[in-house]
Amino acid sequence: MSQLVTHAFDDATALSFDGRQFHGQVKAEYYNMVGPFGGITAATMLKAAMSHPERLGQPLALTVNFAAPAKVAPFVIEAVPVRTNRSTQHFTLTMMQDGEVVTTATAVFGIRRESWSHTEAVMPDVPPPADVPRFVAPAPLPWMQWYHVRLIRGSAFDEVQDATTYQWMRDDPPRPLDHAALAALCDTFVPRVYVKLKRPVPIGTVTFTVYFLADPETIFRQGTNELLGVARATGFSHGYFDQIGEVWSQDGDLLATTTQLVYMKAPVSGSS
């Protein structure tokens, strides 16, 4: 009989609950440059709120604020449902290591009902996944091994002059899509400043938001399909830049949108 193997994503976001706090462990396998991959942290915070015994409804929005780099060590998360209304429920979350705050977050859950629907955004016309080779970074970071990305346009290694990226993406090895995995996928884009400058510079995400636009059935129906990610920037200024993104299903459903504000150390030419 074959033995079930826990996916690395589920192992990295695993939590236990003692009736007051959630307990977990930062994994080296999902580490980034100076801390864990932001997407895995966001997924972990979301799973804490989703696992809370008082949680009602399905995820609508998640905002994660990275206060300090987390270490490869145990952590605790306090998840507090601060307000429950007829249609929405609001959580505040705090991740701590050694008694110090490393990450804060808010999560909003809601009861989805049938309503008028319209998608204003337009899915780009791009080649199918099978026609796009897998992207292999020259010096991949640990977290990148767990994602299969096919860059269509907009990397630090092509001739595109704007800061817009199109990419097919999924977990690697394949894993059925859920809200936590979708949140993490929203953070798999090459940093916008790398795309614009065509070189790496020191960066760090300050705050990261995901809006879940699709209903749970649409999200779960994606299974292990590759998703289309679109990311762009609107400005780079005074040490920070933004990122605005969309995640689409292959058949044209807009699953989520995402925004980030990122610190950058990119000196004016000729200065230090």
Protein backbone atom coordinates (compact mmCIF):
# COMPACT_ATOMS: atom_id res chain seq x y z
CA MET A 1 0.00 0.00 0.00
CA SER A 2 1.38 3.43 -0.95
CA GLN A 3 1.92 5.89 1.88
CA LEU A 4 0.40 9.36 1.66
CA VAL A 5 3.06 12.07 1.55
CA THR A 6 2.32 15.54 2.90
CA HIS A 7 2.88 18.25 0.30
CA ALA A 8 5.68 20.65 1.24
CA PHE A 9 3.18 23.54 1.18
CA ASP A 10 0.93 21.85 3.72
CA ASP A 11 3.91 20.95 5.89
CA ALA A 12 5.18 24.55 5.82
CA THR A 13 1.76 25.98 6.75
CA ALA A 14 0.83 23.31 9.32
CA LEU A 15 -0.61 24.68 12.56
CA SER A 16 -1.73 23.29 15.88
CA PHE A 17 -4.20 25.06 18.19
CA ASP A 18 -4.03 25.02 21.97
CA GLY A 19 -7.37 26.77 22.51
CA ARG A 20 -5.74 30.21 22.60
CA GLN A 21 -2.93 30.38 20.03
CA PHE A 22 -1.83 28.64 16.87
CA HIS A 23 1.64 27.10 16.80
CA GLY A 24 3.81 26.47 13.75
CA GLN A 25 7.36 26.35 12.45
CA VAL A 26 9.12 28.46 9.80
CA LYS A 27 10.65 26.04 7.30
CA ALA A 28 14.05 26.56 5.65
CA GLU A 29 12.64 24.97 2.49
CA TYR A 30 10.49 28.09 1.87
CA TYR A 31 13.09 30.67 2.82
CA ASN A 32 13.72 33.73 0.66
CA MET A 33 16.62 36.19 0.90
CA VAL A 34 16.43 37.34 4.55
CA GLY A 35 13.22 35.69 5.70
CA PRO A 36 10.56 33.22 4.62
CA PHE A 37 8.86 33.60 1.23
CA GLY A 38 6.11 36.17 1.81
CA GLY A 39 3.52 34.01 0.10
CA ILE A 40 4.02 31.15 2.54
CA THR A 41 3.70 33.55 5.48
CA ALA A 42 0.49 34.98 4.01
CA ALA A 43 -0.91 31.48 3.48
CA THR A 44 -0.06 30.54 7.07
CA MET A 45 -1.79 33.63 8.48
CA LEU A 46 -4.86 32.90 6.37
CA LYS A 47 -4.94 29.27 7.52
CA ALA A 48 -4.85 30.40 11.14
CA ALA A 49 -7.96 32.52 10.64
CA MET A 50 -9.66 29.79 8.59
CA SER A 51 -8.92 27.23 11.33
CA HIS A 52 -10.30 29.39 14.13
CA PRO A 53 -13.29 27.68 15.77
CA GLU A 54 -15.38 30.88 15.51
CA ARG A 55 -14.68 31.52 11.82
CA LEU A 56 -17.74 32.10 9.65
CA GLY A 57 -17.93 32.32 5.86
CA GLN A 58 -15.20 32.12 3.22
CA PRO A 59 -12.14 34.34 2.64
CA LEU A 60 -12.77 37.67 0.94
CA ALA A 61 -9.58 39.61 1.68
CA LEU A 62 -6.21 39.20 3.36
CA THR A 63 -3.63 41.88 4.18
CA VAL A 64 -0.27 40.90 5.62
CA ASN A 65 2.27 43.37 7.04
CA PHE A 66 5.84 42.14 7.34
CA ALA A 67 7.19 43.82 10.47
CA ALA A 68 10.48 41.88 10.71
CA PRO A 69 12.13 38.84 9.07
CA ALA A 70 11.02 35.61 10.71
CA LYS A 71 13.68 33.06 11.65
CA VAL A 72 13.73 29.34 10.90
CA ALA A 73 12.19 28.60 14.27
CA PRO A 74 8.83 28.03 15.96
CA PHE A 75 6.22 30.79 16.01
CA VAL A 76 2.83 31.48 17.54
CA ILE A 77 -0.13 33.23 15.91
CA GLU A 78 -2.89 34.99 17.79
CA ALA A 79 -6.06 35.13 15.67
CA VAL A 80 -8.87 37.29 17.03
CA PRO A 81 -12.32 37.62 15.44
CA VAL A 82 -12.83 41.30 16.29
CA ARG A 83 -16.21 41.78 14.62
CA THR A 84 -18.89 39.57 13.10
CA ASN A 85 -21.67 41.17 11.07
CA ARG A 86 -24.54 39.68 9.10
CA SER A 87 -22.42 39.22 5.96
CA THR A 88 -18.78 39.70 6.99
CA GLN A 89 -16.40 38.71 9.75
CA HIS A 90 -13.14 40.51 10.56
CA PHE A 91 -9.98 39.01 12.07
CA THR A 92 -6.75 40.52 13.34
CA LEU A 93 -3.72 38.24 13.42
CA THR A 94 -0.27 38.55 14.99
CA MET A 95 2.70 36.24 14.44
CA MET A 96 5.36 36.23 17.17
CA GLN A 97 8.76 34.65 17.71
CA ASP A 98 10.56 34.86 21.06
CA GLY A 99 7.88 37.24 22.31
CA GLU A 100 8.42 39.75 19.47
CA VAL A 101 6.01 40.59 16.65
CA VAL A 102 7.29 39.61 13.20
CA THR A 103 4.07 39.78 11.14
CA THR A 104 0.60 41.28 11.50
CA ALA A 105 -2.44 40.71 9.33
CA THR A 106 -6.13 41.30 8.87
CA ALA A 107 -8.49 38.82 7.22
CA VAL A 108 -12.08 39.36 6.13
CA PHE A 109 -14.51 36.49 5.64
CA GLY A 110 -17.97 36.68 4.16
CA ILE A 111 -21.13 34.88 3.16
CA ARG A 112 -21.30 34.88 -0.64
CA ARG A 113 -24.71 35.21 -2.25
CA GLU A 114 -25.95 35.14 -5.83
CA SER A 115 -25.76 38.61 -7.36
CA TRP A 116 -25.18 40.51 -10.59
CA SER A 117 -21.70 39.73 -11.86
CA HIS A 118 -19.33 41.39 -14.33
CA THR A 119 -15.56 41.26 -14.87
CA GLU A 120 -14.15 44.60 -16.00
CA ALA A 121 -10.56 43.38 -16.34
CA VAL A 122 -9.58 41.58 -19.54
CA MET A 123 -7.52 38.41 -19.52
CA PRO A 124 -4.45 38.82 -21.76
CA ASP A 125 -4.22 36.78 -24.94
CA VAL A 126 -1.22 34.54 -24.25
CA PRO A 127 0.16 31.21 -25.50
CA PRO A 128 -1.09 28.08 -23.72
CA PRO A 129 1.11 26.69 -20.94
CA ALA A 130 2.45 23.85 -23.06
CA ASP A 131 3.92 26.39 -25.52
CA VAL A 132 5.92 28.27 -22.87
CA PRO A 133 9.11 26.77 -21.36
CA ARG A 134 9.58 26.61 -17.63
CA PHE A 135 11.53 29.52 -16.15
CA VAL A 136 14.73 28.51 -14.37
CA ALA A 137 16.37 31.26 -12.32
CA PRO A 138 20.17 31.55 -12.56
CA ALA A 139 20.45 31.38 -8.76
CA PRO A 140 17.14 30.06 -7.41
CA LEU A 141 16.19 30.74 -3.82
CA PRO A 142 14.90 27.87 -1.64
CA TRP A 143 11.19 28.75 -1.98
CA MET A 144 11.36 28.76 -5.79
CA GLN A 145 11.79 24.98 -5.94
CA TRP A 146 8.13 24.60 -4.94
CA TYR A 147 6.70 26.59 -7.88
CA HIS A 148 6.48 25.78 -11.56
CA VAL A 149 6.56 29.12 -13.43
CA ARG A 150 6.44 29.69 -17.19
CA LEU A 151 7.42 33.30 -17.91
CA ILE A 152 5.65 34.62 -21.00
CA ARG A 153 6.98 38.18 -20.75
CA GLY A 154 8.51 40.51 -18.19
CA SER A 155 11.51 39.09 -16.37
CA ALA A 156 14.90 40.48 -15.42
CA PHE A 157 16.36 38.68 -18.43
CA ASP A 158 14.29 39.78 -21.45
CA GLU A 159 14.04 42.94 -23.54
CA VAL A 160 10.66 44.12 -22.23
CA GLN A 161 11.00 47.77 -21.17
CA ASP A 162 7.90 48.14 -19.02
CA ALA A 163 7.34 46.44 -15.67
CA THR A 164 4.52 44.12 -16.70
CA THR A 165 4.80 40.34 -16.36
CA TYR A 166 2.63 37.51 -17.69
CA GLN A 167 3.30 34.01 -16.36
CA TRP A 168 1.71 30.60 -16.03
CA MET A 169 2.18 29.20 -12.52
CA ARG A 170 1.27 26.38 -10.14
CA ASP A 171 2.62 24.57 -7.11
CA ASP A 172 5.37 22.05 -7.78
CA PRO A 173 4.72 19.20 -7.31
CA PRO A 174 1.11 19.87 -8.37
CA ARG A 175 -1.31 20.50 -5.52
CA PRO A 176 -5.09 21.13 -5.73
CA LEU A 177 -5.85 24.85 -5.47
CA ASP A 178 -7.42 26.32 -2.34
CA HIS A 179 -7.51 29.80 -0.80
CA ALA A 180 -4.19 29.45 1.01
CA ALA A 181 -2.34 28.20 -2.08
CA LEU A 182 -3.93 30.96 -4.19
CA ALA A 183 -2.73 33.58 -1.70
CA ALA A 184 0.82 32.25 -1.94
CA LEU A 185 0.75 32.14 -5.75
CA CYS A 186 -0.08 35.86 -5.74
CA ASP A 187 3.46 36.46 -4.43
CA THR A 188 5.45 34.42 -6.96
CA PHE A 189 6.15 37.26 -9.41
CA VAL A 190 9.64 38.57 -10.15
CA PRO A 191 9.94 41.87 -8.22
CA ARG A 192 8.83 44.77 -10.41
CA VAL A 193 12.05 46.71 -9.89
CA TYR A 194 14.07 43.76 -11.22
CA VAL A 195 11.94 43.73 -14.35
CA LYS A 196 12.31 47.49 -14.87
CA LEU A 197 16.03 47.80 -14.09
CA LYS A 198 16.99 44.37 -15.49
CA ARG A 199 19.10 43.69 -12.41
CA PRO A 200 18.51 42.69 -8.79
CA VAL A 201 18.61 45.26 -5.99
CA PRO A 202 17.89 44.79 -2.26
CA ILE A 203 14.14 44.68 -1.64
CA GLY A 204 11.63 43.66 1.01
CA THR A 205 7.84 43.51 0.90
CA VAL A 206 6.26 45.80 3.47
CA THR A 207 2.59 44.96 2.96
CA PHE A 208 0.75 42.46 0.75
CA THR A 209 -2.97 42.13 0.02
CA VAL A 210 -5.08 39.52 -1.76
CA TYR A 211 -8.74 39.94 -2.74
CA PHE A 212 -10.48 36.63 -3.45
CA LEU A 213 -12.97 37.41 -6.23
CA ALA A 214 -14.03 33.91 -7.24
CA ASP A 215 -16.38 31.79 -5.15
CA PRO A 216 -14.90 28.73 -3.41
CA GLU A 217 -16.36 26.31 -5.95
CA THR A 218 -14.59 28.10 -8.82
CA ILE A 219 -11.30 28.12 -6.91
CA PHE A 220 -11.50 24.42 -5.99
CA ARG A 221 -12.54 23.50 -9.54
CA GLN A 222 -9.10 24.56 -10.82
CA GLY A 223 -7.52 21.47 -9.29
CA THR A 224 -3.86 21.38 -10.29
CA ASN A 225 -4.28 23.49 -13.44
CA GLU A 226 -1.72 26.16 -14.20
CA LEU A 227 -3.01 29.68 -13.60
CA LEU A 228 -2.21 32.87 -15.47
CA GLY A 229 -0.59 35.59 -13.37
CA VAL A 230 -0.41 39.22 -14.48
CA ALA A 231 1.63 41.78 -12.55
CA ARG A 232 2.48 45.42 -13.17
CA ALA A 233 3.78 48.45 -11.32
CA THR A 234 2.40 51.97 -11.29
CA GLY A 235 5.35 53.78 -9.69
CA PHE A 236 8.84 53.62 -8.20
CA SER A 237 9.70 56.47 -5.85
CA HIS A 238 11.70 57.41 -2.75
CA GLY A 239 12.67 53.87 -1.84
CA TYR A 240 9.39 52.07 -2.53
CA PHE A 241 7.39 50.64 -5.42
CA ASP A 242 4.01 49.00 -5.81
CA GLN A 243 2.84 45.84 -7.55
CA ILE A 244 -0.68 45.19 -8.80
CA GLY A 245 -1.60 41.73 -9.99
CA GLU A 246 -4.34 39.44 -11.25
CA VAL A 247 -4.69 35.65 -11.22
CA TRP A 248 -6.82 34.04 -13.93
CA SER A 249 -8.02 30.51 -14.60
CA GLN A 250 -7.29 29.02 -18.01
CA ASP A 251 -10.96 29.40 -18.98
CA GLY A 252 -11.09 33.09 -18.13
CA ASP A 253 -12.30 33.33 -14.52
CA LEU A 254 -10.65 36.11 -12.51
CA LEU A 255 -9.80 34.28 -9.30
CA ALA A 256 -8.01 36.99 -7.31
CA THR A 257 -6.36 40.37 -7.45
CA THR A 258 -3.37 41.41 -5.38
CA THR A 259 -1.34 44.47 -4.40
CA GLN A 260 2.00 45.01 -2.68
CA LEU A 261 4.15 47.86 -1.42
CA VAL A 262 7.83 46.95 -1.52
CA TYR A 263 10.93 48.61 -0.06
CA MET A 264 13.84 48.94 -2.49
CA LYS A 265 17.43 50.07 -2.22
CA ALA A 266 18.04 51.42 -5.71
CA PRO A 267 20.28 54.51 -5.50
CA VAL A 268 20.06 57.33 -8.01
CA SER A 269 22.69 56.70 -10.68
CA GLY A 270 26.05 57.95 -9.47
CA SER A 271 25.10 58.04 -5.76
CA SER A 272 25.62 55.47 -3.04
